[in-house]
């Protein structure tokens, strides 16, 4: 998938144009083509069908596409461009059209909301459907209101990986490490564990980043669940450290809710990376994992939802 394009899904809304800017930068980082996909509105699709069925050559061959004109203006306003840029209008429903075109993508980037729906929604139905079913990683870029509390310079942040050492597919880890390598930044691995509540436990306390050499020894005064999780992380991360020796890795094992921890980390992260489905769900399940679902709805920065892309993941 090295030469696969980065696909930006646009509909002309400000949310989708923000996602386009993110996709443009990603295509530049990875040295790949940028494919801009626009699922035509219903009226444009009906026009094309009517003209074709009536064979009315007096009508213009194409329906006016103001989105295309706006994209050209945006890309021409500055910023480094990828080696190649394609614009492709699509027909059909938004989730299905993007699911089909996503089969050829390195990643598919879209805004958290489009033109439709209620302004108060944190995540639009199309974004949720595409993130749940696309055959490629889907990056959802939040709208301005949700990103308001995040750091201004997202490219300077870490790539944060939500990891369940026993269940997260290798494809999710590979995506996180590849993104960190392209950005020249670290991967911060976040895993959460549940422990019986005690009066002195403060779940909302800031978690501590532990480098590999800083892992507690068995005789140290450490929470057994934390110690076991850090060691499971280390074992699972070993082949990726070997494959990406220049990518710094920071390990964190924290009590409490994994989604909440990832949402907190998203305020200063360049990207949050999570797996899509729980392994006990079927490959064609339309439901997304509970952690991915919560992070998509509440994160303050971009979230990559990565499916298992290989049979042995």
Protein backbone atom coordinates (compact mmCIF):
# COMPACT_ATOMS: atom_id res chain seq x y z
CA UNK A 1 0.00 0.00 0.00
CA UNK A 2 3.06 2.22 -0.24
CA UNK A 3 1.87 4.09 -3.34
CA UNK A 4 -1.81 4.15 -2.42
CA UNK A 5 -3.29 7.66 -2.41
CA UNK A 6 -4.53 9.68 0.50
CA UNK A 7 -8.23 10.29 -0.17
CA UNK A 8 -10.02 13.39 1.09
CA UNK A 9 -13.82 13.23 1.17
CA UNK A 10 -15.30 16.69 0.55
CA UNK A 11 -18.79 18.14 0.24
CA UNK A 12 -17.97 21.84 0.26
CA UNK A 13 -18.65 22.32 3.97
CA UNK A 14 -16.09 24.03 6.16
CA UNK A 15 -15.64 20.74 8.05
CA UNK A 16 -14.71 18.87 4.88
CA UNK A 17 -12.38 21.62 3.69
CA UNK A 18 -10.52 21.43 7.00
CA UNK A 19 -10.19 17.69 6.41
CA UNK A 20 -8.90 18.40 2.89
CA UNK A 21 -6.12 20.55 4.34
CA UNK A 22 -5.18 17.71 6.71
CA UNK A 23 -5.21 15.21 3.83
CA UNK A 24 -3.06 17.49 1.65
CA UNK A 25 -0.39 17.64 4.36
CA UNK A 26 -0.59 13.86 4.86
CA UNK A 27 -0.10 13.20 1.14
CA UNK A 28 2.96 15.48 1.16
CA UNK A 29 4.40 13.71 4.21
CA UNK A 30 3.97 10.28 2.67
CA UNK A 31 5.00 11.31 -0.85
CA UNK A 32 1.80 10.01 -2.38
CA UNK A 33 -1.06 11.24 -4.54
CA UNK A 34 -4.02 13.16 -3.13
CA UNK A 35 -7.38 11.98 -4.44
CA UNK A 36 -10.27 14.34 -3.68
CA UNK A 37 -13.60 12.51 -3.67
CA UNK A 38 -16.90 14.35 -3.83
CA UNK A 39 -20.13 12.38 -3.63
CA UNK A 40 -22.44 14.45 -5.81
CA UNK A 41 -25.64 15.75 -4.20
CA UNK A 42 -28.91 14.06 -5.07
CA UNK A 43 -29.96 16.77 -7.52
CA UNK A 44 -26.76 16.36 -9.53
CA UNK A 45 -27.18 12.60 -9.66
CA UNK A 46 -30.82 12.95 -10.73
CA UNK A 47 -29.83 15.42 -13.44
CA UNK A 48 -27.26 13.02 -14.87
CA UNK A 49 -29.77 10.17 -14.86
CA UNK A 50 -32.46 12.29 -16.52
CA UNK A 51 -30.15 13.55 -19.26
CA UNK A 52 -28.91 10.04 -19.95
CA UNK A 53 -32.38 8.45 -20.07
CA UNK A 54 -33.89 11.19 -22.28
CA UNK A 55 -30.84 11.53 -24.53
CA UNK A 56 -31.39 15.27 -24.42
CA UNK A 57 -28.25 16.66 -26.04
CA UNK A 58 -29.56 20.22 -25.73
CA UNK A 59 -28.91 20.09 -22.00
CA UNK A 60 -25.37 20.82 -20.70
CA UNK A 61 -23.33 17.64 -20.46
CA UNK A 62 -22.40 18.22 -16.83
CA UNK A 63 -24.22 19.54 -13.80
CA UNK A 64 -22.53 22.59 -12.29
CA UNK A 65 -20.12 21.51 -9.54
CA UNK A 66 -19.31 24.50 -7.31
CA UNK A 67 -17.44 22.23 -4.89
CA UNK A 68 -14.81 21.55 -7.55
CA UNK A 69 -14.28 25.27 -8.08
CA UNK A 70 -13.95 25.89 -4.34
CA UNK A 71 -11.39 23.11 -3.97
CA UNK A 72 -9.27 24.49 -6.79
CA UNK A 73 -9.32 27.89 -5.12
CA UNK A 74 -8.35 26.44 -1.75
CA UNK A 75 -5.46 24.37 -3.07
CA UNK A 76 -4.20 27.31 -5.10
CA UNK A 77 -4.11 29.65 -2.12
CA UNK A 78 -0.79 28.40 -0.76
CA UNK A 79 0.88 25.48 0.93
CA UNK A 80 2.97 22.67 -0.49
CA UNK A 81 1.06 20.37 -2.83
CA UNK A 82 1.44 16.61 -3.29
CA UNK A 83 3.08 15.20 -6.41
CA UNK A 84 -0.30 14.42 -7.93
CA UNK A 85 -3.86 15.60 -7.29
CA UNK A 86 -7.02 14.05 -8.71
CA UNK A 87 -10.62 15.12 -8.31
CA UNK A 88 -13.27 12.44 -8.64
CA UNK A 89 -17.04 13.05 -8.45
CA UNK A 90 -18.90 9.99 -7.19
CA UNK A 91 -22.49 8.80 -7.34
CA UNK A 92 -24.51 6.79 -4.85
CA UNK A 93 -24.89 7.10 -1.09
CA UNK A 94 -22.01 8.75 0.73
CA UNK A 95 -21.01 5.75 2.92
CA UNK A 96 -21.19 3.26 0.05
CA UNK A 97 -19.40 5.45 -2.49
CA UNK A 98 -16.57 6.18 -0.05
CA UNK A 99 -16.40 2.56 1.06
CA UNK A 100 -15.84 1.46 -2.55
CA UNK A 101 -13.22 4.09 -3.38
CA UNK A 102 -11.52 3.50 -0.02
CA UNK A 103 -10.37 0.07 -1.20
CA UNK A 104 -7.47 1.77 -2.99
CA UNK A 105 -6.53 4.22 -0.24
CA UNK A 106 -3.64 4.58 2.19
CA UNK A 107 -6.18 6.43 4.32
CA UNK A 108 -9.48 8.23 3.83
CA UNK A 109 -9.81 11.63 5.52
CA UNK A 110 -13.12 13.33 6.26
CA UNK A 111 -14.62 15.94 8.54
CA UNK A 112 -16.58 15.03 11.65
CA UNK A 113 -19.67 16.70 10.22
CA UNK A 114 -20.86 17.55 6.73
CA UNK A 115 -23.52 19.87 5.35
CA UNK A 116 -26.45 17.91 6.69
CA UNK A 117 -27.62 17.10 10.19
CA UNK A 118 -27.84 19.20 13.31
CA UNK A 119 -25.11 21.70 14.14
CA UNK A 120 -24.96 20.37 17.71
CA UNK A 121 -23.92 16.87 16.64
CA UNK A 122 -20.37 15.91 17.59
CA UNK A 123 -20.15 13.32 14.82
CA UNK A 124 -22.20 13.14 11.63
CA UNK A 125 -23.93 9.96 10.50
CA UNK A 126 -21.84 9.69 7.32
CA UNK A 127 -18.57 10.03 9.23
CA UNK A 128 -19.66 7.37 11.69
CA UNK A 129 -20.82 5.01 8.91
CA UNK A 130 -17.62 5.40 6.88
CA UNK A 131 -15.39 4.94 9.93
CA UNK A 132 -17.36 1.76 10.73
CA UNK A 133 -17.21 0.12 7.30
CA UNK A 134 -14.40 1.47 5.09
CA UNK A 135 -11.75 -1.08 4.08
CA UNK A 136 -8.95 1.40 4.87
CA UNK A 137 -7.93 3.57 7.82
CA UNK A 138 -10.34 6.50 8.23
CA UNK A 139 -9.10 9.77 9.74
CA UNK A 140 -11.88 11.97 11.13
CA UNK A 141 -10.86 15.62 11.59
CA UNK A 142 -13.00 17.42 14.20
CA UNK A 143 -14.75 20.68 13.54
CA UNK A 144 -13.41 23.94 14.94
CA UNK A 145 -15.56 23.97 18.09
CA UNK A 146 -14.26 20.60 19.26
CA UNK A 147 -10.65 21.42 18.36
CA UNK A 148 -10.75 24.77 20.19
CA UNK A 149 -9.15 23.32 23.32
CA UNK A 150 -6.37 21.55 21.45
CA UNK A 151 -2.84 22.78 20.90
CA UNK A 152 -2.45 25.11 17.91
CA UNK A 153 0.39 23.20 16.23
CA UNK A 154 -0.96 19.69 15.77
CA UNK A 155 1.99 18.49 13.68
CA UNK A 156 4.33 18.98 16.66
CA UNK A 157 2.39 16.54 18.87
CA UNK A 158 2.87 12.84 19.37
CA UNK A 159 0.98 10.06 17.67
CA UNK A 160 -1.05 8.49 20.47
CA UNK A 161 -1.87 4.80 20.12
CA UNK A 162 -4.68 3.22 22.11
CA UNK A 163 -3.43 -0.32 22.72
CA UNK A 164 -4.97 -3.46 24.15
CA UNK A 165 -1.88 -5.66 24.07
CA UNK A 166 -3.81 -8.91 23.55
CA UNK A 167 -6.43 -7.71 21.08
CA UNK A 168 -5.33 -4.70 18.99
CA UNK A 169 -4.42 -5.91 15.46
CA UNK A 170 -0.90 -5.38 14.14
CA UNK A 171 -2.28 -3.14 11.38
CA UNK A 172 -3.26 -0.56 14.00
CA UNK A 173 0.24 -0.49 15.48
CA UNK A 174 1.84 -0.34 12.03
CA UNK A 175 -0.32 2.65 11.08
CA UNK A 176 0.65 4.53 14.25
CA UNK A 177 4.37 3.88 13.81
CA UNK A 178 4.28 4.79 10.11
CA UNK A 179 2.55 8.08 10.91
CA UNK A 180 5.04 8.89 13.66
CA UNK A 181 7.96 8.11 11.34
CA UNK A 182 6.54 10.37 8.62
CA UNK A 183 6.12 13.20 11.14
CA UNK A 184 9.42 12.68 12.91
CA UNK A 185 7.68 12.37 16.27
CA UNK A 186 7.11 9.83 19.04
CA UNK A 187 4.45 7.18 19.54
CA UNK A 188 2.81 7.43 22.94
CA UNK A 189 1.16 4.12 23.81
CA UNK A 190 -1.83 4.34 26.15
CA UNK A 191 -3.38 1.29 27.80
CA UNK A 192 -5.88 1.34 30.64
CA UNK A 193 -6.64 -1.21 33.34
CA UNK A 194 -9.40 -1.63 35.88
CA UNK A 195 -8.61 -2.08 39.56
CA UNK A 196 -10.90 -2.20 42.59
CA UNK A 197 -11.50 1.36 43.81
CA UNK A 198 -9.73 2.41 46.98
CA UNK A 199 -10.01 5.73 48.87
CA UNK A 200 -6.52 6.85 47.85
CA UNK A 201 -6.87 6.10 44.14
CA UNK A 202 -7.30 9.18 41.96
CA UNK A 203 -8.42 7.99 38.53
CA UNK A 204 -8.29 11.46 37.00
CA UNK A 205 -4.68 12.10 38.02
CA UNK A 206 -2.25 12.70 35.13
CA UNK A 207 -0.71 9.47 33.89
CA UNK A 208 3.04 8.91 33.91
CA UNK A 209 5.01 8.18 30.75
CA UNK A 210 7.42 5.28 31.22
CA UNK A 211 10.37 4.68 28.87
CA UNK A 212 11.39 1.02 28.37
CA UNK A 213 14.38 1.34 30.68
CA UNK A 214 12.12 2.81 33.36
CA UNK A 215 9.82 -0.20 33.73
CA UNK A 216 9.44 -1.07 37.41
CA UNK A 217 11.13 -4.20 38.70
CA UNK A 218 8.93 -6.92 40.25
CA UNK A 219 10.17 -6.05 43.73
CA UNK A 220 9.31 -2.36 43.32
CA UNK A 221 6.23 -0.90 44.97
CA UNK A 222 4.05 -0.84 41.84
CA UNK A 223 0.42 -1.71 41.18
CA UNK A 224 0.48 -5.33 39.91
CA UNK A 225 -2.00 -4.58 37.13
CA UNK A 226 0.10 -1.63 35.96
CA UNK A 227 3.29 -3.67 36.03
CA UNK A 228 1.74 -6.50 34.04
CA UNK A 229 0.26 -4.12 31.48
CA UNK A 230 3.58 -2.31 30.94
CA UNK A 231 5.34 -5.63 30.42
CA UNK A 232 2.63 -6.79 27.99
CA UNK A 233 3.04 -3.52 26.09
CA UNK A 234 6.81 -3.97 25.91
CA UNK A 235 6.48 -7.48 24.50
CA UNK A 236 3.88 -6.43 21.94
CA UNK A 237 5.82 -3.34 20.84
CA UNK A 238 9.18 -5.09 20.41
CA UNK A 239 8.85 -5.94 16.68
CA UNK A 240 7.66 -2.42 15.87
CA UNK A 241 10.55 -0.85 17.77
CA UNK A 242 12.86 -3.01 15.67
CA UNK A 243 11.11 -2.05 12.43
CA UNK A 244 11.04 1.67 13.28
CA UNK A 245 14.27 2.23 15.27
CA UNK A 246 14.14 6.01 14.82
CA UNK A 247 10.65 6.37 16.32
CA UNK A 248 10.75 7.14 20.08
CA UNK A 249 8.21 5.17 22.12
CA UNK A 250 6.59 6.29 25.38
CA UNK A 251 4.55 3.75 27.32
CA UNK A 252 1.70 4.58 29.65
CA UNK A 253 -0.47 2.26 31.71
CA UNK A 254 -3.26 4.00 33.59
CA UNK A 255 -6.26 3.07 35.71
CA UNK A 256 -9.71 3.98 34.49
CA UNK A 257 -11.51 4.43 31.21
CA UNK A 258 -9.31 4.06 28.08
CA UNK A 259 -11.53 6.29 25.96
CA UNK A 260 -11.41 9.09 28.52
CA UNK A 261 -7.64 8.88 28.70
CA UNK A 262 -7.34 9.05 24.91
CA UNK A 263 -9.69 12.04 24.73
CA UNK A 264 -7.52 13.84 27.29
CA UNK A 265 -4.38 12.99 25.32
CA UNK A 266 -6.00 14.29 22.13
CA UNK A 267 -5.64 17.90 23.34
CA UNK A 268 -1.91 17.82 22.59
CA UNK A 269 -1.67 14.93 20.11
CA UNK A 270 -1.02 15.14 16.39
CA UNK A 271 -3.22 12.07 15.90
CA UNK A 272 -5.06 9.48 18.00
CA UNK A 273 -4.95 5.96 16.54
CA UNK A 274 -7.47 3.30 17.59
CA UNK A 275 -8.58 -0.06 16.25
CA UNK A 276 -12.04 -0.34 14.78
CA UNK A 277 -13.73 -3.54 15.89
CA UNK A 278 -13.61 -5.71 18.90
CA UNK A 279 -12.25 -9.09 17.69
CA UNK A 280 -15.39 -10.95 18.77
CA UNK A 281 -17.45 -8.96 16.29
CA UNK A 282 -17.70 -10.13 12.71
CA UNK A 283 -15.62 -8.50 9.97
CA UNK A 284 -18.74 -7.02 8.36
CA UNK A 285 -20.20 -5.67 11.59
CA UNK A 286 -21.64 -2.17 11.27
CA UNK A 287 -20.92 -1.45 14.91
CA UNK A 288 -17.71 0.23 15.92
CA UNK A 289 -15.81 -0.67 19.09
CA UNK A 290 -16.88 1.21 22.21
CA UNK A 291 -13.50 2.92 22.69
CA UNK A 292 -13.29 4.03 19.05
CA UNK A 293 -16.90 5.23 19.20
CA UNK A 294 -16.32 7.35 22.29
CA UNK A 295 -13.04 8.81 21.04
CA UNK A 296 -14.59 9.74 17.68
CA UNK A 297 -17.37 11.59 19.45
CA UNK A 298 -15.24 13.51 21.94
CA UNK A 299 -11.62 13.84 20.79
CA UNK A 300 -10.20 17.35 20.37
CA UNK A 301 -7.99 16.40 17.41
CA UNK A 302 -7.87 14.03 14.44
CA UNK A 303 -8.67 10.36 15.10
CA UNK A 304 -7.57 7.46 12.86
CA UNK A 305 -9.83 4.41 13.04
CA UNK A 306 -7.90 1.47 11.63
CA UNK A 307 -9.50 -1.85 10.65
CA UNK A 308 -7.68 -5.16 10.49
CA UNK A 309 -6.30 -4.99 6.95
CA UNK A 310 -4.68 -8.45 6.77
CA UNK A 311 -6.05 -11.90 7.45
CA UNK A 312 -3.48 -12.69 10.11
CA UNK A 313 -4.06 -9.53 12.20
